[in-house]
Protein backbone atom coordinates (compact mmCIF):
# COMPACT_ATOMS: atom_id res chain seq x y z
CA MET A 1 14.32 165.84 63.34
CA SER A 2 14.90 166.80 59.70
CA PHE A 3 12.06 167.84 57.40
CA LEU A 4 12.19 164.54 55.49
CA ALA A 5 12.25 162.47 58.67
CA ALA A 6 9.20 164.39 59.90
CA THR A 7 7.24 163.91 56.68
CA LEU A 8 8.11 160.20 56.55
CA THR A 9 6.95 159.87 60.16
CA THR A 10 3.69 161.62 59.27
CA ALA A 11 3.09 159.28 56.31
CA LEU A 12 3.94 156.13 58.26
CA THR A 13 1.73 157.16 61.19
CA ALA A 14 -1.20 157.87 58.87
CA LEU A 15 -0.87 154.41 57.28
CA VAL A 16 -0.61 152.57 60.60
CA VAL A 17 -3.58 154.35 62.16
CA ASP A 18 -5.71 153.81 59.07
CA ALA A 19 -4.77 150.13 58.88
CA LEU A 20 -5.79 149.69 62.52
CA PHE A 21 -9.00 151.71 62.57
CA GLY A 22 -10.09 152.78 59.11
CA TRP A 23 -12.58 155.65 59.31
CA PRO A 24 -15.22 154.47 61.81
CA ASP A 25 -18.87 154.74 60.77
CA ALA A 26 -19.73 156.45 64.06
CA LEU A 27 -17.15 159.15 63.34
CA TYR A 28 -18.44 159.53 59.79
CA ARG A 29 -22.00 159.97 61.00
CA ARG A 30 -20.90 162.55 63.53
CA ILE A 31 -18.54 164.75 61.53
CA GLY A 32 -18.46 163.36 58.00
CA HIS A 33 -15.08 163.02 56.29
CA PRO A 34 -12.57 165.51 54.85
CA VAL A 35 -13.33 164.29 51.33
CA THR A 36 -17.03 164.99 51.80
CA TRP A 37 -16.15 168.47 53.07
CA LEU A 38 -14.13 169.08 49.92
CA GLY A 39 -16.94 167.61 47.87
CA ARG A 40 -19.41 170.16 49.19
CA LEU A 41 -17.07 173.00 48.26
CA ILE A 42 -16.50 171.60 44.76
CA SER A 43 -20.24 171.13 44.24
CA ALA A 44 -20.90 174.74 45.26
CA LEU A 45 -18.22 176.05 42.89
CA ASP A 46 -19.56 173.81 40.13
CA ARG A 47 -23.09 175.18 40.51
CA ARG A 48 -21.90 178.77 40.63
CA TRP A 49 -19.20 178.87 37.96
CA ASN A 50 -19.79 176.00 35.51
CA GLN A 51 -22.00 178.05 33.21
CA GLY A 52 -21.73 180.69 30.54
CA ASP A 53 -18.47 181.59 28.83
CA ASN A 54 -14.84 181.02 29.90
CA ARG A 55 -15.58 177.72 31.60
CA ARG A 56 -12.01 176.55 31.26
CA ARG A 57 -10.72 179.59 33.15
CA LYS A 58 -13.49 179.29 35.73
CA GLY A 59 -12.65 175.62 36.24
CA LEU A 60 -8.99 176.45 36.77
CA ILE A 61 -9.92 179.05 39.40
CA ALA A 62 -12.36 176.62 41.08
CA SER A 63 -9.61 174.01 41.25
CA LEU A 64 -7.11 176.43 42.75
CA VAL A 65 -9.66 177.65 45.31
CA THR A 66 -10.34 174.04 46.37
CA ILE A 67 -6.65 173.18 46.65
CA PHE A 68 -5.98 176.37 48.63
CA ALA A 69 -8.88 175.58 50.97
CA ALA A 70 -7.34 172.16 51.69
CA VAL A 71 -3.71 173.25 51.94
CA LEU A 72 -4.06 176.41 54.05
CA PRO A 73 -5.28 174.69 57.25
CA ALA A 74 -2.74 171.90 56.68
CA VAL A 75 0.09 174.45 56.53
CA LEU A 76 -1.17 176.27 59.63
CA LEU A 77 -1.48 173.01 61.56
CA THR A 78 2.01 172.00 60.48
CA LEU A 79 3.45 175.30 61.66
CA LEU A 80 1.65 174.87 64.98
CA LEU A 81 2.36 171.19 65.66
CA ALA A 82 5.65 170.38 63.94
CA PRO A 83 7.86 172.07 66.58
CA LEU A 84 6.18 170.13 69.41
CA PRO A 85 7.56 166.83 70.77
CA GLY A 86 5.83 164.13 68.72
CA GLY A 87 4.52 166.76 66.33
CA ALA A 88 5.11 164.60 63.25
CA VAL A 89 3.04 161.82 64.82
CA LEU A 90 0.22 164.26 65.61
CA LEU A 91 0.30 165.43 61.99
CA GLY A 92 0.14 161.79 60.90
CA ILE A 93 -3.01 161.30 62.96
CA LEU A 94 -4.51 164.34 61.22
CA ALA A 95 -3.50 162.82 57.85
CA TRP A 96 -5.05 159.46 58.76
CA PRO A 97 -8.49 160.04 57.16
CA LEU A 98 -6.83 160.88 53.84
CA VAL A 99 -5.48 157.31 53.49
CA ALA A 100 -8.02 154.68 52.47
CA SER A 101 -6.15 151.39 52.86
CA ARG A 102 -8.63 149.70 55.19
CA SER A 103 -11.83 151.00 53.60
CA LEU A 104 -10.67 149.88 50.15
CA TYR A 105 -10.00 146.37 51.45
CA ASP A 106 -13.36 146.27 53.22
CA HIS A 107 -15.31 147.42 50.15
CA VAL A 108 -13.70 144.86 47.86
CA ALA A 109 -13.95 142.07 50.46
CA ALA A 110 -17.67 142.86 50.60
CA VAL A 111 -17.81 141.83 46.93
CA ALA A 112 -15.63 138.74 47.39
CA ARG A 113 -17.71 137.20 50.17
CA PRO A 114 -21.04 136.86 48.31
CA LEU A 115 -19.19 135.98 45.12
CA GLU A 116 -17.50 133.04 46.87
CA ALA A 117 -20.91 132.01 48.26
CA GLU A 118 -22.33 132.04 44.68
CA ASP A 119 -24.60 134.94 45.61
CA SER A 120 -24.05 136.87 42.39
CA ALA A 121 -26.91 139.28 43.05
CA GLY A 122 -25.41 140.22 46.41
CA ALA A 123 -21.98 140.58 44.83
CA ARG A 124 -23.37 142.83 42.09
CA GLN A 125 -25.04 145.00 44.71
CA ALA A 126 -21.75 145.27 46.63
CA VAL A 127 -19.65 146.07 43.57
CA ALA A 128 -22.11 148.82 42.58
CA MET A 129 -20.81 150.68 45.66
CA ILE A 130 -17.35 151.02 44.09
CA VAL A 131 -17.85 151.05 40.29
CA GLY A 132 -20.29 152.84 38.01
CA ARG A 133 -20.50 150.44 35.09
CA ASP A 134 -23.48 148.28 34.12
CA LEU A 135 -23.18 144.70 35.38
CA ASP A 136 -25.32 141.59 35.30
CA ASP A 137 -25.15 138.67 37.76
CA ARG A 138 -22.33 136.77 36.04
CA PRO A 139 -19.40 136.31 38.44
CA GLU A 140 -16.62 136.99 35.91
CA PRO A 141 -17.53 140.62 35.06
CA ILE A 142 -18.19 141.32 38.74
CA ALA A 143 -14.77 139.94 39.74
CA ARG A 144 -13.13 141.88 36.91
CA ALA A 145 -14.74 145.16 37.95
CA ALA A 146 -13.78 144.65 41.60
CA LEU A 147 -10.17 143.77 40.75
CA GLU A 148 -9.80 146.82 38.52
CA SER A 149 -11.19 149.03 41.27
CA LEU A 150 -8.88 147.43 43.83
CA ALA A 151 -5.78 147.97 41.71
CA GLU A 152 -6.60 151.50 40.54
CA ASN A 153 -7.72 152.71 43.95
CA GLU A 154 -4.67 151.23 45.64
CA SER A 155 -2.74 153.82 43.66
CA ASP A 156 -5.21 156.72 44.02
CA GLY A 157 -6.42 156.06 47.55
CA VAL A 158 -3.38 154.61 49.32
CA ILE A 159 0.00 154.85 47.61
CA ALA A 160 -0.37 158.35 46.12
CA PRO A 161 -1.56 159.97 49.38
CA LEU A 162 1.30 158.31 51.26
CA PHE A 163 3.79 159.33 48.57
CA TRP A 164 2.84 163.01 48.82
CA ALA A 165 2.68 162.87 52.61
CA ALA A 166 6.20 161.40 52.65
CA LEU A 167 7.46 164.22 50.42
CA LEU A 168 5.55 167.22 51.80
CA GLY A 169 3.83 166.15 55.01
CA LEU A 170 0.25 167.11 55.85
CA PRO A 171 0.09 169.90 53.21
CA GLY A 172 1.22 167.43 50.55
CA ILE A 173 -1.41 164.81 51.31
CA ALA A 174 -4.09 167.52 51.67
CA ALA A 175 -3.21 169.00 48.27
CA TYR A 176 -3.20 165.57 46.66
CA LYS A 177 -6.59 164.66 48.11
CA ALA A 178 -8.09 167.94 46.91
CA ILE A 179 -6.77 167.33 43.39
CA ASN A 180 -7.98 163.73 43.35
CA THR A 181 -11.44 164.72 44.60
CA LEU A 182 -11.65 167.45 41.98
CA ASP A 183 -10.83 164.92 39.28
CA SER A 184 -13.43 162.43 40.51
CA MET A 185 -16.14 165.10 40.56
CA ILE A 186 -15.43 167.37 37.60
CA GLY A 187 -12.57 165.77 35.64
CA HIS A 188 -14.84 164.09 33.09
CA LEU A 189 -14.64 164.23 29.29
CA ASN A 190 -18.27 165.10 28.66
CA PRO A 191 -20.13 168.26 27.51
CA ARG A 192 -20.64 169.57 31.05
CA TYR A 193 -17.08 169.14 32.32
CA GLY A 194 -14.91 168.96 29.20
CA ASP A 195 -13.81 172.58 29.72
CA PHE A 196 -14.61 173.24 33.38
CA GLY A 197 -12.80 170.13 34.61
CA ARG A 198 -9.91 170.06 32.14
CA PHE A 199 -7.34 171.59 34.50
CA ALA A 200 -8.36 169.28 37.36
CA ALA A 201 -8.10 166.19 35.14
CA LYS A 202 -4.68 167.14 33.77
CA LEU A 203 -3.34 168.02 37.20
CA ASP A 204 -4.59 164.71 38.61
CA ASP A 205 -2.76 162.86 35.83
CA ILE A 206 0.47 164.62 36.77
CA VAL A 207 0.32 164.11 40.54
CA ASN A 208 -0.60 160.43 40.16
CA LEU A 209 2.20 159.62 37.73
CA PRO A 210 4.91 158.55 40.24
CA ALA A 211 2.59 156.66 42.61
CA SER A 212 0.90 154.70 39.82
CA ARG A 213 4.24 153.27 38.71
CA LEU A 214 5.22 152.59 42.31
CA SER A 215 1.88 150.84 42.90
CA GLY A 216 2.49 148.54 39.94
CA VAL A 217 5.93 147.61 41.24
CA LEU A 218 4.60 146.97 44.75
CA ILE A 219 1.86 144.69 43.40
CA ALA A 220 4.34 142.76 41.27
CA VAL A 221 6.77 142.33 44.18
CA ALA A 222 3.99 141.40 46.59
CA ALA A 223 2.63 138.69 44.28
CA PRO A 224 5.58 137.91 43.69
CA SER A 225 5.45 137.65 39.89
CA LEU A 226 7.89 138.30 37.08
CA ARG A 227 4.89 137.92 34.77
CA ALA A 228 3.34 140.98 36.41
CA PHE A 229 6.36 143.06 35.45
CA ALA A 230 6.22 141.77 31.87
CA VAL A 231 2.51 142.49 31.43
CA MET A 232 2.89 145.91 33.04
CA ARG A 233 5.70 146.82 30.71
CA ARG A 234 3.80 145.60 27.65
CA ASP A 235 0.23 146.74 28.32
CA ALA A 236 0.20 149.61 30.85
CA ARG A 237 0.16 152.30 28.17
CA ARG A 238 -2.77 150.68 26.39
CA HIS A 239 -5.11 151.80 29.17
CA ARG A 240 -7.25 154.91 28.54
CA SER A 241 -5.71 156.46 31.68
CA PRO A 242 -2.02 157.40 31.72
CA ASN A 243 -1.82 156.06 35.28
CA ALA A 244 -4.45 153.41 36.04
CA GLY A 245 -2.93 150.98 33.56
CA TRP A 246 0.15 150.43 35.72
CA PRO A 247 -1.44 148.88 38.81
CA GLU A 248 -4.16 147.18 36.75
CA THR A 249 -1.70 145.45 34.41
CA ALA A 250 0.45 144.43 37.37
CA MET A 251 -2.60 142.85 39.02
CA ALA A 252 -3.66 141.18 35.77
CA GLY A 253 -0.21 139.69 35.25
CA ALA A 254 0.14 138.62 38.87
CA LEU A 255 -3.17 136.72 38.76
CA GLY A 256 -2.90 135.49 35.18
CA VAL A 257 -6.22 137.07 34.17
CA ARG A 258 -7.36 139.72 31.73
CA LEU A 259 -8.74 143.07 32.90
CA SER A 260 -10.26 146.22 31.41
CA GLY A 261 -11.91 145.47 28.06
CA PRO A 262 -15.37 146.55 26.79
CA ARG A 263 -17.93 147.70 29.32
CA SER A 264 -21.18 149.66 29.47
CA TYR A 265 -22.13 152.80 31.38
CA GLY A 266 -25.81 153.72 31.53
CA GLY A 267 -26.51 151.54 28.52
CA ARG A 268 -23.74 153.13 26.44
CA GLU A 269 -20.94 150.85 25.31
CA SER A 270 -17.34 151.84 25.96
CA SER A 271 -14.79 149.93 23.91
CA GLU A 272 -11.71 149.69 26.10
CA PRO A 273 -8.66 147.57 25.19
CA TRP A 274 -7.98 144.38 27.11
CA LEU A 275 -5.01 144.21 29.44
CA ASN A 276 -3.26 140.83 29.36
CA GLU A 277 -5.74 140.04 26.60
CA ASN A 278 -5.07 136.35 25.98
CA ALA A 279 -5.45 135.34 29.62
CA ARG A 280 -8.65 133.95 31.16
CA ASP A 281 -11.42 135.94 32.83
CA PRO A 282 -11.09 136.34 36.62
CA GLY A 283 -13.31 134.49 39.07
CA PRO A 284 -14.10 134.60 42.79
CA ALA A 285 -10.83 132.90 43.78
CA ASP A 286 -8.85 135.51 41.83
CA LEU A 287 -10.60 138.31 43.69
CA ARG A 288 -9.59 136.76 47.00
CA ARG A 289 -6.01 136.35 45.77
CA GLY A 290 -6.07 139.96 44.60
CA LEU A 291 -7.01 141.07 48.09
CA GLN A 292 -4.11 139.10 49.53
CA ILE A 293 -1.69 140.72 47.07
CA TYR A 294 -3.15 144.11 47.92
CA ARG A 295 -2.56 143.61 51.64
CA ARG A 296 1.02 142.49 51.08
CA SER A 297 1.72 145.43 48.76
CA VAL A 298 0.42 147.92 51.34
CA VAL A 299 2.64 146.27 53.97
CA LEU A 300 5.54 146.67 51.55
CA MET A 301 4.73 150.36 51.25
CA GLY A 302 4.81 150.62 55.02
CA LEU A 303 8.18 148.87 55.12
CA LEU A 304 9.49 151.20 52.41
CA LEU A 305 8.44 154.22 54.46
CA ALA A 306 9.98 152.73 57.62
CA ALA A 307 13.26 151.91 55.84
CA SER A 308 13.43 155.40 54.37
CA LEU A 309 12.82 156.90 57.80
CA ALA A 310 15.55 154.74 59.35
CA ALA A 311 17.94 155.84 56.62
CA VAL A 312 17.46 159.56 57.28
CA LEU A 313 17.42 159.45 61.09
């Protein structure tokens, strides 16, 4: 089996296993999760090095240490398992926890259910598990926040890990997950992390660039919606993030709703531009439709991996 066939097999296996099982709560309670292991390392480096002078250099070193800590065991496991019969499948099982397709669906569905039952307080409580903004009990802002999280995290939590696994196998997905976790923890433009997390934030922007565009295309095809392509082309670069705008505008265009826009964090207003500005606000039915589009787009990603594997075998 060629290197590319092996890495595609690893990526496809990880997606299938995650879609079937997710990351079971019993397993999480027993051993945690690779992202939480990385999180503990990043927190320790943050406490130790994010102080005094030269924070930008210290943050760069902290990021490289974290990436090395994730990649080294992945490389060793690849060297050990890849030559074995079914080694690529075994590596895919090891990559499984680094794909979040099922957990993302479950978290957003947990918002959709109370929202459809007109339990806005329950929906607000559920959406607080996946977004950090201030929300009241109105269904439209809750649906908007959940849809934005669904679209952005499809790219960050599903398509990008699979993309890097398909290119570089277990080391690729491990490196990506380390970078993405670094960005989520220290890649913030605030006084504490503006210097220390700068390298992590910039690196995350780079590694997410191809998958964010691919995610937007998959959403548009899964809808299917020519309008999604048009809105993505027009509005994606208006988003504050160089990457999140692509899947979010695709979802906005596919559903015929507006996303992003002004929001509040801890009582502080953040004036973000609207995406698909002249469309209506989303509601509970749009969130359910968004989940359906998400599922179809992840299936399309699986088919793309399978077709690529068939082409190189």
